[in-house]
Structure formats: structure tokens, C-alpha cells
């Protein structure tokens, strides 16, 4: 991702005119998580601007809110999540399925440090 492009967009009308705000609210309101709508929109825009050979790696996915939000409107983007909590992993997988992102999100159960070799899409 081009850093200058990212910086310029952040200081333009990012938070006022981003077109996916309604869909983002649905995710933020229905999936338990720690990221708010502004963070979700920011990461969504960042994922939108990844190159074809890049992906978003989320360490500590909790119940999947951020990973799911990052893919709204980004049909060609990919996300890898890693979480070491069985319960969170189960909720995350259910939420990914609910929002139909199974083909775009690869979820790994385990400690990120020991999962490095598994991180692939």
C-alpha cells in the first residue's frame, strides 16, 4: 500500500463520505468486538487498497468484527485471522459464515508466533 495515498485520503473527506457506512454499522452493531465504526472504516479502506499479492493479517481476532468489516465491499481482498482462544475462534468462524466471507478469510486457531508457518492463503 502506498503510504502517501493512505495519508492523503485520511486527511480528505474519509470519515464524512465513505460509502459503506450503513453496511459497516450492521457489522459493528451485530458482532461483538472492540473496534468502533471509525476504526472499522479505516481498516476497510486500507484493505481496499492492498495490492493483489497482499492480505490483512489480524492477530487476536476476538469474534471477527474487524476482519468482517474490513471486507465489506472488498470482494477481491483477503484476510487471515489468528486467535489462540477456542471460544473466540468458534464465534469468529460463525460470524464469518453469517456474513458470507468464508472464501476471503482464512482463520487460524493458535498462538501467532507458532502459527507463522501456517499463514498462507
N, C-alpha and C. Protein backbone atom coordinates (compact mmCIF):
# COMPACT_ATOMS: atom_id res chain seq x y z
N UNK A 1 0.84 -1.17 0.00
CA UNK A 1 0.00 0.00 0.00
C UNK A 1 0.89 1.23 0.00
N UNK A 2 0.49 2.21 -0.77
CA UNK A 2 1.24 3.45 -0.86
C UNK A 2 0.93 4.32 0.36
N UNK A 3 1.93 4.63 1.16
CA UNK A 3 1.75 5.40 2.39
C UNK A 3 1.22 6.80 2.10
N UNK A 4 1.75 7.47 1.08
CA UNK A 4 1.30 8.83 0.77
C UNK A 4 -0.18 8.83 0.40
N UNK A 5 -0.61 7.86 -0.40
CA UNK A 5 -2.02 7.76 -0.78
C UNK A 5 -2.89 7.58 0.46
N UNK A 6 -2.45 6.72 1.36
CA UNK A 6 -3.16 6.48 2.62
C UNK A 6 -3.26 7.76 3.43
N UNK A 7 -2.16 8.44 3.61
CA UNK A 7 -2.11 9.68 4.38
C UNK A 7 -3.02 10.75 3.77
N UNK A 8 -2.92 10.95 2.48
CA UNK A 8 -3.73 11.97 1.81
C UNK A 8 -5.22 11.69 1.95
N UNK A 9 -5.60 10.43 1.85
CA UNK A 9 -7.02 10.09 1.95
C UNK A 9 -7.53 10.31 3.36
N UNK A 10 -6.73 9.97 4.35
CA UNK A 10 -7.15 10.17 5.74
C UNK A 10 -7.46 11.63 6.03
N UNK A 11 -6.71 12.51 5.43
CA UNK A 11 -6.91 13.93 5.70
C UNK A 11 -7.82 14.60 4.68
N UNK A 12 -8.51 13.81 3.88
CA UNK A 12 -9.52 14.36 2.97
C UNK A 12 -10.88 14.17 3.63
N UNK A 13 -11.84 13.66 2.89
CA UNK A 13 -13.19 13.52 3.43
C UNK A 13 -13.50 12.09 3.87
N UNK A 14 -12.52 11.35 4.30
CA UNK A 14 -12.68 9.94 4.65
C UNK A 14 -13.86 9.66 5.57
N UNK A 15 -13.92 10.32 6.71
CA UNK A 15 -14.95 9.99 7.69
C UNK A 15 -16.31 10.59 7.37
N UNK A 16 -16.38 11.46 6.38
CA UNK A 16 -17.65 12.10 6.06
C UNK A 16 -18.37 11.42 4.90
N UNK A 17 -17.65 10.90 3.94
CA UNK A 17 -18.28 10.46 2.70
C UNK A 17 -18.05 9.01 2.34
N UNK A 18 -17.52 8.25 3.24
CA UNK A 18 -17.22 6.86 2.89
C UNK A 18 -18.53 6.12 2.62
N UNK A 19 -18.68 5.51 1.44
CA UNK A 19 -19.98 4.99 1.01
C UNK A 19 -20.49 3.73 1.71
N UNK A 20 -19.69 3.06 2.50
CA UNK A 20 -20.13 1.80 3.09
C UNK A 20 -20.57 1.95 4.54
N UNK A 21 -20.77 3.16 4.98
CA UNK A 21 -21.05 3.39 6.40
C UNK A 21 -22.28 2.61 6.90
N UNK A 22 -23.33 2.52 6.10
CA UNK A 22 -24.55 1.81 6.53
C UNK A 22 -24.27 0.32 6.74
N UNK A 23 -23.60 -0.31 5.79
CA UNK A 23 -23.26 -1.72 5.92
C UNK A 23 -22.31 -1.94 7.09
N UNK A 24 -21.41 -1.01 7.31
CA UNK A 24 -20.46 -1.11 8.41
C UNK A 24 -21.18 -1.07 9.76
N UNK A 25 -22.19 -0.23 9.86
CA UNK A 25 -22.94 -0.15 11.12
C UNK A 25 -23.60 -1.48 11.45
N UNK A 26 -24.07 -2.20 10.44
CA UNK A 26 -24.69 -3.50 10.67
C UNK A 26 -23.69 -4.47 11.31
N UNK A 27 -22.47 -4.47 10.81
CA UNK A 27 -21.44 -5.35 11.37
C UNK A 27 -21.09 -4.91 12.79
N UNK A 28 -20.84 -3.64 12.98
CA UNK A 28 -20.43 -3.13 14.29
C UNK A 28 -21.53 -3.35 15.33
N UNK A 29 -22.79 -3.24 14.90
CA UNK A 29 -23.90 -3.42 15.84
C UNK A 29 -24.25 -4.88 16.11
N UNK A 30 -23.86 -5.80 15.23
CA UNK A 30 -24.28 -7.19 15.41
C UNK A 30 -23.16 -8.16 15.77
N UNK A 31 -21.91 -7.73 15.67
CA UNK A 31 -20.77 -8.59 16.02
C UNK A 31 -20.04 -7.95 17.20
N UNK A 32 -19.96 -8.68 18.29
CA UNK A 32 -19.26 -8.18 19.47
C UNK A 32 -17.79 -7.95 19.13
N UNK A 33 -17.25 -6.84 19.59
CA UNK A 33 -15.85 -6.55 19.32
C UNK A 33 -15.38 -5.29 20.01
N UNK A 34 -14.15 -4.95 19.75
CA UNK A 34 -13.54 -3.80 20.41
C UNK A 34 -13.31 -2.61 19.48
N UNK A 35 -13.44 -2.81 18.18
CA UNK A 35 -13.22 -1.71 17.24
C UNK A 35 -14.52 -0.95 17.02
N UNK A 36 -14.43 0.37 16.94
CA UNK A 36 -15.62 1.17 16.68
C UNK A 36 -15.79 1.36 15.17
N UNK A 37 -16.82 2.08 14.77
CA UNK A 37 -17.10 2.21 13.34
C UNK A 37 -15.99 2.95 12.60
N UNK A 38 -15.38 3.93 13.23
CA UNK A 38 -14.31 4.68 12.56
C UNK A 38 -13.08 3.80 12.30
N UNK A 39 -12.71 2.99 13.27
CA UNK A 39 -11.58 2.07 13.09
C UNK A 39 -11.94 1.04 12.03
N UNK A 40 -13.16 0.54 12.08
CA UNK A 40 -13.60 -0.45 11.09
C UNK A 40 -13.56 0.14 9.68
N UNK A 41 -14.02 1.36 9.53
CA UNK A 41 -14.00 2.01 8.22
C UNK A 41 -12.57 2.27 7.75
N UNK A 42 -11.71 2.66 8.66
CA UNK A 42 -10.32 2.90 8.32
C UNK A 42 -9.64 1.62 7.82
N UNK A 43 -9.83 0.52 8.54
CA UNK A 43 -9.24 -0.74 8.12
C UNK A 43 -9.86 -1.25 6.83
N UNK A 44 -11.15 -1.00 6.63
CA UNK A 44 -11.80 -1.38 5.39
C UNK A 44 -11.16 -0.66 4.22
N UNK A 45 -10.92 0.61 4.39
CA UNK A 45 -10.30 1.38 3.32
C UNK A 45 -8.87 0.89 3.08
N UNK A 46 -8.14 0.58 4.14
CA UNK A 46 -6.78 0.07 3.99
C UNK A 46 -6.78 -1.26 3.23
N UNK A 47 -7.70 -2.15 3.57
CA UNK A 47 -7.79 -3.44 2.88
C UNK A 47 -8.16 -3.23 1.41
N UNK A 48 -9.03 -2.30 1.16
CA UNK A 48 -9.42 -1.99 -0.22
C UNK A 48 -8.21 -1.60 -1.07
N UNK A 49 -7.23 -1.00 -0.46
CA UNK A 49 -6.05 -0.51 -1.19
C UNK A 49 -4.85 -1.44 -1.15
N UNK A 50 -5.04 -2.66 -0.67
CA UNK A 50 -3.96 -3.63 -0.72
C UNK A 50 -3.73 -4.08 -2.16
N UNK A 51 -2.51 -4.43 -2.46
CA UNK A 51 -2.20 -4.98 -3.78
C UNK A 51 -2.68 -6.43 -3.85
N UNK A 52 -2.75 -6.97 -5.05
CA UNK A 52 -3.29 -8.33 -5.25
C UNK A 52 -2.55 -9.39 -4.45
N UNK A 53 -1.25 -9.22 -4.25
CA UNK A 53 -0.48 -10.23 -3.53
C UNK A 53 -0.37 -9.94 -2.03
N UNK A 54 -1.14 -8.97 -1.54
CA UNK A 54 -1.11 -8.62 -0.12
C UNK A 54 -2.41 -9.07 0.55
N UNK A 55 -2.35 -9.22 1.87
CA UNK A 55 -3.54 -9.55 2.64
C UNK A 55 -3.45 -8.86 4.00
N UNK A 56 -4.58 -8.76 4.67
CA UNK A 56 -4.66 -8.18 6.01
C UNK A 56 -4.51 -9.32 7.01
N UNK A 57 -3.53 -9.23 7.88
CA UNK A 57 -3.30 -10.22 8.92
C UNK A 57 -3.75 -9.63 10.24
N UNK A 58 -4.73 -10.27 10.86
CA UNK A 58 -5.24 -9.80 12.15
C UNK A 58 -4.84 -10.79 13.23
N UNK A 59 -4.05 -10.33 14.17
CA UNK A 59 -3.63 -11.16 15.31
C UNK A 59 -4.56 -10.82 16.47
N UNK A 60 -5.29 -11.81 16.95
CA UNK A 60 -6.26 -11.57 18.01
C UNK A 60 -7.58 -11.11 17.42
N UNK A 61 -8.28 -12.01 16.79
CA UNK A 61 -9.48 -11.63 16.03
C UNK A 61 -10.75 -11.56 16.88
N UNK A 62 -10.68 -11.98 18.12
CA UNK A 62 -11.82 -11.99 19.03
C UNK A 62 -13.01 -12.67 18.34
N UNK A 63 -14.07 -11.96 18.01
CA UNK A 63 -15.23 -12.59 17.39
C UNK A 63 -15.37 -12.23 15.91
N UNK A 64 -14.35 -11.57 15.36
CA UNK A 64 -14.28 -11.34 13.92
C UNK A 64 -14.78 -10.01 13.40
N UNK A 65 -15.18 -9.10 14.27
CA UNK A 65 -15.75 -7.84 13.82
C UNK A 65 -14.83 -7.10 12.85
N UNK A 66 -13.60 -6.91 13.22
CA UNK A 66 -12.68 -6.13 12.38
C UNK A 66 -12.39 -6.83 11.06
N UNK A 67 -12.19 -8.14 11.11
CA UNK A 67 -11.92 -8.89 9.88
C UNK A 67 -13.10 -8.80 8.92
N UNK A 68 -14.30 -8.98 9.44
CA UNK A 68 -15.51 -8.91 8.61
C UNK A 68 -15.69 -7.50 8.06
N UNK A 69 -15.57 -6.51 8.93
CA UNK A 69 -15.75 -5.12 8.50
C UNK A 69 -14.74 -4.73 7.43
N UNK A 70 -13.55 -5.27 7.52
CA UNK A 70 -12.51 -4.90 6.55
C UNK A 70 -12.84 -5.38 5.14
N UNK A 71 -13.74 -6.36 5.02
CA UNK A 71 -14.04 -6.94 3.71
C UNK A 71 -15.33 -6.41 3.06
N UNK A 72 -16.09 -5.61 3.75
CA UNK A 72 -17.33 -5.09 3.16
C UNK A 72 -16.98 -4.29 1.91
N UNK A 73 -17.54 -4.73 0.80
CA UNK A 73 -17.28 -4.05 -0.47
C UNK A 73 -15.95 -4.39 -1.11
N UNK A 74 -15.16 -5.24 -0.49
CA UNK A 74 -13.83 -5.60 -0.99
C UNK A 74 -13.81 -7.06 -1.43
N UNK A 75 -14.46 -7.35 -2.54
CA UNK A 75 -14.65 -8.73 -3.00
C UNK A 75 -13.37 -9.44 -3.40
N UNK A 76 -12.32 -8.71 -3.71
CA UNK A 76 -11.07 -9.33 -4.15
C UNK A 76 -10.00 -9.33 -3.07
N UNK A 77 -10.35 -8.90 -1.86
CA UNK A 77 -9.37 -8.81 -0.78
C UNK A 77 -9.40 -10.08 0.07
N UNK A 78 -8.30 -10.27 0.80
CA UNK A 78 -8.16 -11.46 1.65
C UNK A 78 -7.72 -11.06 3.05
N UNK A 79 -8.18 -11.85 4.03
CA UNK A 79 -7.84 -11.60 5.43
C UNK A 79 -7.43 -12.93 6.06
N UNK A 80 -6.43 -12.88 6.90
CA UNK A 80 -6.05 -14.03 7.72
C UNK A 80 -6.18 -13.60 9.17
N UNK A 81 -6.91 -14.40 9.95
CA UNK A 81 -7.05 -14.11 11.38
C UNK A 81 -6.36 -15.20 12.18
N UNK A 82 -5.76 -14.80 13.30
CA UNK A 82 -5.13 -15.76 14.21
C UNK A 82 -5.61 -15.43 15.62
N UNK A 83 -6.15 -16.42 16.30
CA UNK A 83 -6.57 -16.24 17.69
C UNK A 83 -6.27 -17.52 18.44
N UNK A 84 -5.87 -17.38 19.69
CA UNK A 84 -5.49 -18.57 20.47
C UNK A 84 -6.55 -18.98 21.48
N UNK A 85 -7.74 -18.41 21.39
CA UNK A 85 -8.83 -18.75 22.31
C UNK A 85 -9.89 -19.56 21.57
N UNK A 86 -10.12 -20.79 22.02
CA UNK A 86 -11.10 -21.67 21.36
C UNK A 86 -12.48 -21.03 21.24
N UNK A 87 -12.94 -20.42 22.32
CA UNK A 87 -14.28 -19.82 22.32
C UNK A 87 -14.38 -18.67 21.32
N UNK A 88 -13.39 -17.78 21.33
CA UNK A 88 -13.39 -16.67 20.36
C UNK A 88 -13.32 -17.19 18.94
N UNK A 89 -12.49 -18.20 18.71
CA UNK A 89 -12.32 -18.77 17.38
C UNK A 89 -13.65 -19.31 16.86
N UNK A 90 -14.39 -19.97 17.72
CA UNK A 90 -15.68 -20.53 17.34
C UNK A 90 -16.66 -19.42 16.96
N UNK A 91 -16.75 -18.37 17.77
CA UNK A 91 -17.63 -17.24 17.45
C UNK A 91 -17.18 -16.55 16.16
N UNK A 92 -15.90 -16.40 16.00
CA UNK A 92 -15.36 -15.75 14.80
C UNK A 92 -15.77 -16.52 13.55
N UNK A 93 -15.61 -17.83 13.57
CA UNK A 93 -15.98 -18.65 12.41
C UNK A 93 -17.48 -18.54 12.11
N UNK A 94 -18.31 -18.52 13.14
CA UNK A 94 -19.76 -18.39 12.95
C UNK A 94 -20.10 -17.03 12.32
N UNK A 95 -19.46 -15.99 12.81
CA UNK A 95 -19.72 -14.64 12.27
C UNK A 95 -19.23 -14.51 10.83
N UNK A 96 -18.10 -15.10 10.54
CA UNK A 96 -17.58 -15.08 9.16
C UNK A 96 -18.58 -15.75 8.23
N UNK A 97 -19.13 -16.86 8.67
CA UNK A 97 -20.13 -17.58 7.86
C UNK A 97 -21.41 -16.75 7.73
N UNK A 98 -21.84 -16.14 8.81
CA UNK A 98 -23.05 -15.32 8.80
C UNK A 98 -22.97 -14.21 7.75
N UNK A 99 -21.79 -13.60 7.61
CA UNK A 99 -21.62 -12.52 6.65
C UNK A 99 -21.07 -13.00 5.31
N UNK A 100 -20.95 -14.32 5.16
CA UNK A 100 -20.57 -14.96 3.90
C UNK A 100 -19.17 -14.57 3.39
N UNK A 101 -18.20 -14.57 4.31
CA UNK A 101 -16.82 -14.26 3.93
C UNK A 101 -15.91 -15.47 4.07
N UNK A 102 -16.46 -16.70 4.05
CA UNK A 102 -15.65 -17.90 4.22
C UNK A 102 -14.57 -18.03 3.16
N UNK A 103 -14.82 -17.56 1.96
CA UNK A 103 -13.83 -17.69 0.88
C UNK A 103 -12.76 -16.60 0.90
N UNK A 104 -12.95 -15.60 1.75
CA UNK A 104 -11.99 -14.49 1.81
C UNK A 104 -11.20 -14.45 3.12
N UNK A 105 -11.66 -15.19 4.11
CA UNK A 105 -10.98 -15.17 5.41
C UNK A 105 -10.46 -16.56 5.74
N UNK A 106 -9.19 -16.64 6.03
CA UNK A 106 -8.56 -17.87 6.49
C UNK A 106 -8.30 -17.68 7.99
N UNK A 107 -8.98 -18.45 8.83
CA UNK A 107 -8.83 -18.32 10.28
C UNK A 107 -7.96 -19.43 10.82
N UNK A 108 -7.05 -19.05 11.69
CA UNK A 108 -6.10 -19.99 12.29
C UNK A 108 -6.28 -19.95 13.80
N UNK A 109 -6.46 -21.11 14.40
CA UNK A 109 -6.53 -21.22 15.85
C UNK A 109 -5.14 -21.53 16.36
N UNK A 110 -4.58 -20.65 17.17
CA UNK A 110 -3.26 -20.89 17.73
C UNK A 110 -2.56 -19.59 18.08
N UNK A 111 -1.43 -19.72 18.69
CA UNK A 111 -0.60 -18.57 19.04
C UNK A 111 0.06 -18.06 17.77
N UNK A 112 0.03 -16.76 17.56
CA UNK A 112 0.54 -16.20 16.29
C UNK A 112 1.99 -16.55 16.07
N UNK A 113 2.79 -16.57 17.12
CA UNK A 113 4.21 -16.83 16.97
C UNK A 113 4.46 -18.24 16.43
N UNK A 114 3.63 -19.18 16.86
CA UNK A 114 3.79 -20.56 16.40
C UNK A 114 2.97 -20.85 15.14
N UNK A 115 2.20 -19.86 14.71
CA UNK A 115 1.36 -20.05 13.53
C UNK A 115 1.97 -19.44 12.26
N UNK A 116 3.13 -18.85 12.36
CA UNK A 116 3.76 -18.17 11.22
C UNK A 116 3.82 -19.09 10.00
N UNK A 117 4.19 -20.34 10.20
CA UNK A 117 4.30 -21.27 9.07
C UNK A 117 2.95 -21.60 8.45
N UNK A 118 1.86 -21.38 9.19
CA UNK A 118 0.53 -21.68 8.68
C UNK A 118 -0.09 -20.50 7.93
N UNK A 119 0.52 -19.34 8.05
CA UNK A 119 -0.06 -18.13 7.47
C UNK A 119 0.15 -18.15 5.96
N UNK A 120 -0.90 -18.54 5.28
CA UNK A 120 -0.93 -18.54 3.83
C UNK A 120 -2.38 -18.50 3.40
N UNK A 121 -2.60 -18.20 2.19
CA UNK A 121 -3.98 -18.15 1.71
C UNK A 121 -4.19 -19.12 0.60
